[in-house]
PDB file of N, CA and C in Angstrom:
ATOM      1  N   UNK A   1     -41.973  25.211 -15.445  1.00  0.00           N
ATOM      2  CA  UNK A   1     -40.921  24.422 -14.825  1.00  0.00           C
ATOM      3  C   UNK A   1     -39.819  24.146 -15.846  1.00  0.00           C
ATOM      4  N   UNK A   2     -38.570  24.188 -15.411  1.00  0.00           N
ATOM      5  CA  UNK A   2     -37.485  23.845 -16.334  1.00  0.00           C
ATOM      6  C   UNK A   2     -37.595  22.389 -16.782  1.00  0.00           C
ATOM      7  N   UNK A   3     -37.208  22.138 -18.017  1.00  0.00           N
ATOM      8  CA  UNK A   3     -37.217  20.777 -18.527  1.00  0.00           C
ATOM      9  C   UNK A   3     -35.976  20.049 -18.034  1.00  0.00           C
ATOM     10  N   UNK A   4     -36.107  18.788 -17.598  1.00  0.00           N
ATOM     11  CA  UNK A   4     -34.921  18.063 -17.143  1.00  0.00           C
ATOM     12  C   UNK A   4     -33.977  17.817 -18.315  1.00  0.00           C
ATOM     13  N   UNK A   5     -32.721  18.074 -18.064  1.00  0.00           N
ATOM     14  CA  UNK A   5     -31.695  17.840 -19.073  1.00  0.00           C
ATOM     15  C   UNK A   5     -30.488  17.226 -18.385  1.00  0.00           C
ATOM     16  N   UNK A   6     -29.737  16.443 -19.139  1.00  0.00           N
ATOM     17  CA  UNK A   6     -28.545  15.796 -18.605  1.00  0.00           C
ATOM     18  C   UNK A   6     -27.383  16.130 -19.532  1.00  0.00           C
ATOM     19  N   UNK A   7     -26.277  16.583 -18.943  1.00  0.00           N
ATOM     20  CA  UNK A   7     -25.097  16.980 -19.703  1.00  0.00           C
ATOM     21  C   UNK A   7     -23.873  16.242 -19.179  1.00  0.00           C
ATOM     22  N   UNK A   8     -23.033  15.772 -20.072  1.00  0.00           N
ATOM     23  CA  UNK A   8     -21.776  15.155 -19.674  1.00  0.00           C
ATOM     24  C   UNK A   8     -20.637  16.111 -19.934  1.00  0.00           C
ATOM     25  N   UNK A   9     -19.625  16.076 -19.090  1.00  0.00           N
ATOM     26  CA  UNK A   9     -18.476  16.953 -19.277  1.00  0.00           C
ATOM     27  C   UNK A   9     -17.471  16.758 -18.169  1.00  0.00           C
ATOM     28  N   UNK A  10     -16.746  17.811 -17.862  1.00  0.00           N
ATOM     29  CA  UNK A  10     -15.743  17.776 -16.793  1.00  0.00           C
ATOM     30  C   UNK A  10     -16.070  18.825 -15.750  1.00  0.00           C
ATOM     31  N   UNK A  11     -15.699  18.528 -14.511  1.00  0.00           N
ATOM     32  CA  UNK A  11     -15.927  19.462 -13.406  1.00  0.00           C
ATOM     33  C   UNK A  11     -14.648  19.596 -12.600  1.00  0.00           C
ATOM     34  N   UNK A  12     -14.482  20.765 -12.027  1.00  0.00           N
ATOM     35  CA  UNK A  12     -13.411  21.008 -11.068  1.00  0.00           C
ATOM     36  C   UNK A  12     -14.073  21.626  -9.841  1.00  0.00           C
ATOM     37  N   UNK A  13     -14.023  20.918  -8.738  1.00  0.00           N
ATOM     38  CA  UNK A  13     -14.640  21.368  -7.491  1.00  0.00           C
ATOM     39  C   UNK A  13     -13.559  21.422  -6.428  1.00  0.00           C
ATOM     40  N   UNK A  14     -13.411  22.559  -5.785  1.00  0.00           N
ATOM     41  CA  UNK A  14     -12.430  22.694  -4.719  1.00  0.00           C
ATOM     42  C   UNK A  14     -13.079  23.449  -3.577  1.00  0.00           C
ATOM     43  N   UNK A  15     -13.373  22.716  -2.503  1.00  0.00           N
ATOM     44  CA  UNK A  15     -13.989  23.322  -1.329  1.00  0.00           C
ATOM     45  C   UNK A  15     -13.449  22.618  -0.095  1.00  0.00           C
ATOM     46  N   UNK A  16     -13.837  23.095   1.073  1.00  0.00           N
ATOM     47  CA  UNK A  16     -13.422  22.443   2.317  1.00  0.00           C
ATOM     48  C   UNK A  16     -14.046  21.050   2.434  1.00  0.00           C
ATOM     49  N   UNK A  17     -15.206  20.832   1.816  1.00  0.00           N
ATOM     50  CA  UNK A  17     -15.908  19.554   1.935  1.00  0.00           C
ATOM     51  C   UNK A  17     -15.597  18.582   0.796  1.00  0.00           C
ATOM     52  N   UNK A  18     -15.129  19.088  -0.340  1.00  0.00           N
ATOM     53  CA  UNK A  18     -14.972  18.229  -1.511  1.00  0.00           C
ATOM     54  C   UNK A  18     -13.918  18.805  -2.443  1.00  0.00           C
ATOM     55  N   UNK A  19     -13.002  17.954  -2.867  1.00  0.00           N
ATOM     56  CA  UNK A  19     -12.047  18.315  -3.911  1.00  0.00           C
ATOM     57  C   UNK A  19     -12.157  17.257  -4.989  1.00  0.00           C
ATOM     58  N   UNK A  20     -12.423  17.703  -6.226  1.00  0.00           N
ATOM     59  CA  UNK A  20     -12.622  16.767  -7.329  1.00  0.00           C
ATOM     60  C   UNK A  20     -12.272  17.451  -8.633  1.00  0.00           C
ATOM     61  N   UNK A  21     -11.623  16.707  -9.527  1.00  0.00           N
ATOM     62  CA  UNK A  21     -11.399  17.178 -10.891  1.00  0.00           C
ATOM     63  C   UNK A  21     -11.495  15.973 -11.804  1.00  0.00           C
ATOM     64  N   UNK A  22     -12.430  16.019 -12.754  1.00  0.00           N
ATOM     65  CA  UNK A  22     -12.606  14.902 -13.665  1.00  0.00           C
ATOM     66  C   UNK A  22     -13.975  14.899 -14.297  1.00  0.00           C
ATOM     67  N   UNK A  23     -14.365  13.756 -14.864  1.00  0.00           N
ATOM     68  CA  UNK A  23     -15.662  13.671 -15.534  1.00  0.00           C
ATOM     69  C   UNK A  23     -16.819  13.837 -14.559  1.00  0.00           C
ATOM     70  N   UNK A  24     -17.874  14.453 -15.054  1.00  0.00           N
ATOM     71  CA  UNK A  24     -19.055  14.691 -14.222  1.00  0.00           C
ATOM     72  C   UNK A  24     -20.290  14.782 -15.108  1.00  0.00           C
ATOM     73  N   UNK A  25     -21.431  14.606 -14.472  1.00  0.00           N
ATOM     74  CA  UNK A  25     -22.712  14.744 -15.160  1.00  0.00           C
ATOM     75  C   UNK A  25     -23.500  15.846 -14.472  1.00  0.00           C
ATOM     76  N   UNK A  26     -24.035  16.763 -15.264  1.00  0.00           N
ATOM     77  CA  UNK A  26     -24.836  17.882 -14.759  1.00  0.00           C
ATOM     78  C   UNK A  26     -26.296  17.588 -15.081  1.00  0.00           C
ATOM     79  N   UNK A  27     -27.151  17.670 -14.074  1.00  0.00           N
ATOM     80  CA  UNK A  27     -28.583  17.451 -14.241  1.00  0.00           C
ATOM     81  C   UNK A  27     -29.305  18.747 -13.912  1.00  0.00           C
ATOM     82  N   UNK A  28     -30.172  19.214 -14.810  1.00  0.00           N
ATOM     83  CA  UNK A  28     -31.051  20.342 -14.512  1.00  0.00           C
ATOM     84  C   UNK A  28     -32.464  19.777 -14.396  1.00  0.00           C
ATOM     85  N   UNK A  29     -33.018  19.839 -13.201  1.00  0.00           N
ATOM     86  CA  UNK A  29     -34.348  19.311 -12.928  1.00  0.00           C
ATOM     87  C   UNK A  29     -35.265  20.445 -12.475  1.00  0.00           C
ATOM     88  N   UNK A  30     -36.513  20.147 -12.245  1.00  0.00           N
ATOM     89  CA  UNK A  30     -37.493  21.179 -11.901  1.00  0.00           C
ATOM     90  C   UNK A  30     -37.176  21.907 -10.601  1.00  0.00           C
ATOM     91  N   UNK A  31     -36.642  21.224  -9.591  1.00  0.00           N
ATOM     92  CA  UNK A  31     -36.422  21.861  -8.290  1.00  0.00           C
ATOM     93  C   UNK A  31     -34.970  21.968  -7.900  1.00  0.00           C
ATOM     94  N   UNK A  32     -34.063  21.486  -8.732  1.00  0.00           N
ATOM     95  CA  UNK A  32     -32.662  21.564  -8.363  1.00  0.00           C
ATOM     96  C   UNK A  32     -31.738  21.261  -9.519  1.00  0.00           C
ATOM     97  N   UNK A  33     -30.497  21.639  -9.328  1.00  0.00           N
ATOM     98  CA  UNK A  33     -29.420  21.333 -10.263  1.00  0.00           C
ATOM     99  C   UNK A  33     -28.450  20.444  -9.511  1.00  0.00           C
ATOM    100  N   UNK A  34     -28.022  19.360 -10.152  1.00  0.00           N
ATOM    101  CA  UNK A  34     -27.131  18.396  -9.515  1.00  0.00           C
ATOM    102  C   UNK A  34     -25.890  18.181 -10.369  1.00  0.00           C
ATOM    103  N   UNK A  35     -24.764  17.937  -9.706  1.00  0.00           N
ATOM    104  CA  UNK A  35     -23.565  17.443 -10.374  1.00  0.00           C
ATOM    105  C   UNK A  35     -23.248  16.096  -9.739  1.00  0.00           C
ATOM    106  N   UNK A  36     -23.051  15.100 -10.598  1.00  0.00           N
ATOM    107  CA  UNK A  36     -22.686  13.759 -10.135  1.00  0.00           C
ATOM    108  C   UNK A  36     -21.275  13.455 -10.621  1.00  0.00           C
ATOM    109  N   UNK A  37     -20.398  13.103  -9.697  1.00  0.00           N
ATOM    110  CA  UNK A  37     -18.983  12.883 -10.031  1.00  0.00           C
ATOM    111  C   UNK A  37     -18.640  11.409 -10.211  1.00  0.00           C
ATOM    112  N   UNK A  38     -19.615  10.525 -10.132  1.00  0.00           N
ATOM    113  CA  UNK A  38     -19.356   9.103 -10.233  1.00  0.00           C
ATOM    114  C   UNK A  38     -19.387   8.421  -8.876  1.00  0.00           C
ATOM    115  N   UNK A  39     -19.182   9.209  -7.820  1.00  0.00           N
ATOM    116  CA  UNK A  39     -19.262   8.657  -6.466  1.00  0.00           C
ATOM    117  C   UNK A  39     -19.982   9.593  -5.509  1.00  0.00           C
ATOM    118  N   UNK A  40     -20.300  10.797  -5.965  1.00  0.00           N
ATOM    119  CA  UNK A  40     -20.917  11.778  -5.071  1.00  0.00           C
ATOM    120  C   UNK A  40     -21.867  12.685  -5.845  1.00  0.00           C
ATOM    121  N   UNK A  41     -23.005  13.002  -5.207  1.00  0.00           N
ATOM    122  CA  UNK A  41     -23.983  13.949  -5.739  1.00  0.00           C
ATOM    123  C   UNK A  41     -23.818  15.276  -5.010  1.00  0.00           C
ATOM    124  N   UNK A  42     -23.860  16.369  -5.746  1.00  0.00           N
ATOM    125  CA  UNK A  42     -23.852  17.709  -5.159  1.00  0.00           C
ATOM    126  C   UNK A  42     -25.097  18.413  -5.688  1.00  0.00           C
ATOM    127  N   UNK A  43     -25.891  19.011  -4.787  1.00  0.00           N
ATOM    128  CA  UNK A  43     -27.172  19.608  -5.172  1.00  0.00           C
ATOM    129  C   UNK A  43     -27.203  21.106  -4.880  1.00  0.00           C
ATOM    130  N   UNK A  44     -27.867  21.843  -5.778  1.00  0.00           N
ATOM    131  CA  UNK A  44     -28.168  23.257  -5.573  1.00  0.00           C
ATOM    132  C   UNK A  44     -29.658  23.447  -5.780  1.00  0.00           C
ATOM    133  N   UNK A  45     -30.282  24.232  -4.922  1.00  0.00           N
ATOM    134  CA  UNK A  45     -31.696  24.600  -5.078  1.00  0.00           C
ATOM    135  C   UNK A  45     -31.773  25.725  -6.114  1.00  0.00           C
ATOM    136  N   UNK A  46     -32.768  25.664  -6.982  1.00  0.00           N
ATOM    137  CA  UNK A  46     -32.956  26.711  -7.975  1.00  0.00           C
ATOM    138  C   UNK A  46     -33.662  27.890  -7.311  1.00  0.00           C
ATOM    139  N   UNK A  47     -32.982  29.024  -7.286  1.00  0.00           N
ATOM    140  CA  UNK A  47     -33.565  30.257  -6.748  1.00  0.00           C
ATOM    141  C   UNK A  47     -34.367  30.988  -7.826  1.00  0.00           C
ATOM    142  N   UNK A  48     -33.872  30.892  -9.054  1.00  0.00           N
ATOM    143  CA  UNK A  48     -34.531  31.591 -10.159  1.00  0.00           C
ATOM    144  C   UNK A  48     -34.175  30.884 -11.458  1.00  0.00           C
ATOM    145  N   UNK A  49     -35.138  30.809 -12.386  1.00  0.00           N
ATOM    146  CA  UNK A  49     -34.929  30.197 -13.692  1.00  0.00           C
ATOM    147  C   UNK A  49     -35.633  31.045 -14.728  1.00  0.00           C
ATOM    148  N   UNK A  50     -34.939  31.391 -15.802  1.00  0.00           N
ATOM    149  CA  UNK A  50     -35.560  32.194 -16.853  1.00  0.00           C
ATOM    150  C   UNK A  50     -34.874  31.928 -18.182  1.00  0.00           C
ATOM    151  N   UNK A  51     -35.559  32.277 -19.251  1.00  0.00           N
ATOM    152  CA  UNK A  51     -35.008  32.150 -20.596  1.00  0.00           C
ATOM    153  C   UNK A  51     -34.814  33.524 -21.191  1.00  0.00           C
ATOM    154  N   UNK A  52     -33.730  33.643 -21.949  1.00  0.00           N
ATOM    155  CA  UNK A  52     -33.434  34.889 -22.642  1.00  0.00           C
ATOM    156  C   UNK A  52     -32.914  34.505 -24.020  1.00  0.00           C
ATOM    157  N   UNK A  53     -33.793  34.614 -25.015  1.00  0.00           N
ATOM    158  CA  UNK A  53     -33.415  34.200 -26.361  1.00  0.00           C
ATOM    159  C   UNK A  53     -33.144  32.704 -26.407  1.00  0.00           C
ATOM    160  N   UNK A  54     -31.939  32.331 -26.815  1.00  0.00           N
ATOM    161  CA  UNK A  54     -31.553  30.927 -26.952  1.00  0.00           C
ATOM    162  C   UNK A  54     -30.850  30.385 -25.707  1.00  0.00           C
ATOM    163  N   UNK A  55     -30.854  31.150 -24.611  1.00  0.00           N
ATOM    164  CA  UNK A  55     -30.140  30.741 -23.401  1.00  0.00           C
ATOM    165  C   UNK A  55     -31.118  30.627 -22.231  1.00  0.00           C
ATOM    166  N   UNK A  56     -31.034  29.480 -21.524  1.00  0.00           N
ATOM    167  CA  UNK A  56     -31.806  29.292 -20.305  1.00  0.00           C
ATOM    168  C   UNK A  56     -30.859  29.488 -19.121  1.00  0.00           C
ATOM    169  N   UNK A  57     -31.272  30.300 -18.156  1.00  0.00           N
ATOM    170  CA  UNK A  57     -30.445  30.644 -16.998  1.00  0.00           C
ATOM    171  C   UNK A  57     -30.998  29.992 -15.736  1.00  0.00           C
ATOM    172  N   UNK A  58     -30.092  29.521 -14.887  1.00  0.00           N
ATOM    173  CA  UNK A  58     -30.447  29.008 -13.564  1.00  0.00           C
ATOM    174  C   UNK A  58     -29.579  29.723 -12.540  1.00  0.00           C
ATOM    175  N   UNK A  59     -30.187  30.340 -11.561  1.00  0.00           N
ATOM    176  CA  UNK A  59     -29.461  30.922 -10.426  1.00  0.00           C
ATOM    177  C   UNK A  59     -29.772  30.023  -9.244  1.00  0.00           C
ATOM    178  N   UNK A  60     -28.706  29.434  -8.652  1.00  0.00           N
ATOM    179  CA  UNK A  60     -28.890  28.388  -7.650  1.00  0.00           C
ATOM    180  C   UNK A  60     -28.082  28.691  -6.388  1.00  0.00           C
ATOM    181  N   UNK A  61     -28.489  28.038  -5.289  1.00  0.00           N
ATOM    182  CA  UNK A  61     -27.813  28.160  -3.997  1.00  0.00           C
ATOM    183  C   UNK A  61     -27.714  26.778  -3.384  1.00  0.00           C
ATOM    184  N   UNK A  62     -26.543  26.451  -2.813  1.00  0.00           N
ATOM    185  CA  UNK A  62     -26.346  25.150  -2.183  1.00  0.00           C
ATOM    186  C   UNK A  62     -25.239  25.194  -1.147  1.00  0.00           C
ATOM    187  N   UNK A  63     -24.851  24.040  -0.626  1.00  0.00           N
ATOM    188  CA  UNK A  63     -23.804  23.960   0.396  1.00  0.00           C
ATOM    189  C   UNK A  63     -22.461  24.483  -0.096  1.00  0.00           C
ATOM    190  N   UNK A  64     -22.212  24.395  -1.400  1.00  0.00           N
ATOM    191  CA  UNK A  64     -20.964  24.902  -1.967  1.00  0.00           C
ATOM    192  C   UNK A  64     -21.107  26.332  -2.476  1.00  0.00           C
ATOM    193  N   UNK A  65     -22.150  27.023  -2.048  1.00  0.00           N
ATOM    194  CA  UNK A  65     -22.349  28.425  -2.432  1.00  0.00           C
ATOM    195  C   UNK A  65     -23.282  28.567  -3.624  1.00  0.00           C
ATOM    196  N   UNK A  66     -23.173  29.708  -4.273  1.00  0.00           N
ATOM    197  CA  UNK A  66     -24.028  30.007  -5.416  1.00  0.00           C
ATOM    198  C   UNK A  66     -23.520  29.271  -6.652  1.00  0.00           C
ATOM    199  N   UNK A  67     -24.453  28.953  -7.545  1.00  0.00           N
ATOM    200  CA  UNK A  67     -24.113  28.320  -8.812  1.00  0.00           C
ATOM    201  C   UNK A  67     -24.913  29.012  -9.899  1.00  0.00           C
ATOM    202  N   UNK A  68     -24.254  29.325 -10.977  1.00  0.00           N
ATOM    203  CA  UNK A  68     -24.915  29.903 -12.136  1.00  0.00           C
ATOM    204  C   UNK A  68     -24.769  28.903 -13.281  1.00  0.00           C
ATOM    205  N   UNK A  69     -25.894  28.549 -13.894  1.00  0.00           N
ATOM    206  CA  UNK A  69     -25.881  27.589 -14.994  1.00  0.00           C
ATOM    207  C   UNK A  69     -26.486  28.258 -16.216  1.00  0.00           C
ATOM    208  N   UNK A  70     -25.797  28.154 -17.334  1.00  0.00           N
ATOM    209  CA  UNK A  70     -26.302  28.649 -18.606  1.00  0.00           C
ATOM    210  C   UNK A  70     -26.457  27.456 -19.538  1.00  0.00           C
ATOM    211  N   UNK A  71     -27.640  27.294 -20.103  1.00  0.00           N
ATOM    212  CA  UNK A  71     -27.889  26.236 -21.078  1.00  0.00           C
ATOM    213  C   UNK A  71     -28.189  26.918 -22.402  1.00  0.00           C
ATOM    214  N   UNK A  72     -27.303  26.722 -23.361  1.00  0.00           N
ATOM    215  CA  UNK A  72     -27.467  27.365 -24.663  1.00  0.00           C
ATOM    216  C   UNK A  72     -28.015  26.360 -25.668  1.00  0.00           C
ATOM    217  N   UNK A  73     -29.158  26.709 -26.220  1.00  0.00           N
ATOM    218  CA  UNK A  73     -29.779  25.870 -27.246  1.00  0.00           C
ATOM    219  C   UNK A  73     -29.111  26.197 -28.577  1.00  0.00           C
ATOM    220  N   UNK A  74     -29.006  25.197 -29.419  1.00  0.00           N
ATOM    221  CA  UNK A  74     -28.472  25.480 -30.735  1.00  0.00           C
ATOM    222  C   UNK A  74     -29.474  25.014 -31.776  1.00  0.00           C
ATOM    223  N   UNK A  75     -29.459  25.610 -32.951  1.00  0.00           N
ATOM    224  CA  UNK A  75     -30.484  25.309 -33.958  1.00  0.00           C
ATOM    225  C   UNK A  75     -30.577  23.835 -34.343  1.00  0.00           C
ATOM    226  N   UNK A  76     -29.543  23.051 -34.089  1.00  0.00           N
ATOM    227  CA  UNK A  76     -29.567  21.633 -34.441  1.00  0.00           C
ATOM    228  C   UNK A  76     -30.166  20.787 -33.317  1.00  0.00           C
ATOM    229  N   UNK A  77     -30.844  21.409 -32.367  1.00  0.00           N
ATOM    230  CA  UNK A  77     -31.528  20.753 -31.251  1.00  0.00           C
ATOM    231  C   UNK A  77     -30.574  20.123 -30.252  1.00  0.00           C
ATOM    232  N   UNK A  78     -29.337  20.585 -30.207  1.00  0.00           N
ATOM    233  CA  UNK A  78     -28.430  20.137 -29.149  1.00  0.00           C
ATOM    234  C   UNK A  78     -28.266  21.293 -28.164  1.00  0.00           C
ATOM    235  N   UNK A  79     -27.652  21.016 -27.033  1.00  0.00           N
ATOM    236  CA  UNK A  79     -27.523  22.000 -25.975  1.00  0.00           C
ATOM    237  C   UNK A  79     -26.100  21.985 -25.432  1.00  0.00           C
ATOM    238  N   UNK A  80     -25.620  23.121 -24.977  1.00  0.00           N
ATOM    239  CA  UNK A  80     -24.351  23.243 -24.272  1.00  0.00           C
ATOM    240  C   UNK A  80     -24.661  23.835 -22.917  1.00  0.00           C
ATOM    241  N   UNK A  81     -23.957  23.386 -21.871  1.00  0.00           N
ATOM    242  CA  UNK A  81     -24.181  23.903 -20.525  1.00  0.00           C
ATOM    243  C   UNK A  81     -22.865  24.332 -19.892  1.00  0.00           C
ATOM    244  N   UNK A  82     -22.914  25.417 -19.123  1.00  0.00           N
ATOM    245  CA  UNK A  82     -21.774  25.912 -18.365  1.00  0.00           C
ATOM    246  C   UNK A  82     -22.258  26.201 -16.949  1.00  0.00           C
ATOM    247  N   UNK A  83     -21.626  25.575 -15.956  1.00  0.00           N
ATOM    248  CA  UNK A  83     -21.972  25.802 -14.547  1.00  0.00           C
ATOM    249  C   UNK A  83     -20.759  26.385 -13.847  1.00  0.00           C
ATOM    250  N   UNK A  84     -20.925  27.532 -13.216  1.00  0.00           N
ATOM    251  CA  UNK A  84     -19.828  28.173 -12.497  1.00  0.00           C
ATOM    252  C   UNK A  84     -20.313  28.640 -11.139  1.00  0.00           C
ATOM    253  N   UNK A  85     -19.408  28.637 -10.178  1.00  0.00           N
ATOM    254  CA  UNK A  85     -19.728  29.099  -8.845  1.00  0.00           C
ATOM    255  C   UNK A  85     -18.462  29.391  -8.078  1.00  0.00           C
ATOM    256  N   UNK A  86     -18.601  29.734  -6.807  1.00  0.00           N
ATOM    257  CA  UNK A  86     -17.467  30.104  -5.977  1.00  0.00           C
ATOM    258  C   UNK A  86     -16.440  29.000  -5.909  1.00  0.00           C
ATOM    259  N   UNK A  87     -16.881  27.755  -5.831  1.00  0.00           N
ATOM    260  CA  UNK A  87     -15.968  26.629  -5.663  1.00  0.00           C
ATOM    261  C   UNK A  87     -16.090  25.619  -6.796  1.00  0.00           C
ATOM    262  N   UNK A  88     -16.791  25.990  -7.884  1.00  0.00           N
ATOM    263  CA  UNK A  88     -17.011  25.087  -9.018  1.00  0.00           C
ATOM    264  C   UNK A  88     -16.352  25.663 -10.254  1.00  0.00           C
TER     265      UNK A  88
END
């Protein structure tokens, strides 16, 4: 199971259901990936999760389409995350 991680950063979401640009929190949990914008949660189901070297990959599907998340581990025990999708 993927380890839960929480990342802070910025998100830009533009869809028919939601338009948002600003600070956001990305959560990677065992059964889903979430983005929280401060007033709204957006969820994607994890279709596939795997590790390749220092990068953990998540392939997800949700109401806003597909989402691809890359979590890059760094030797200093910190992590960087990038989430991209059709409307993210």
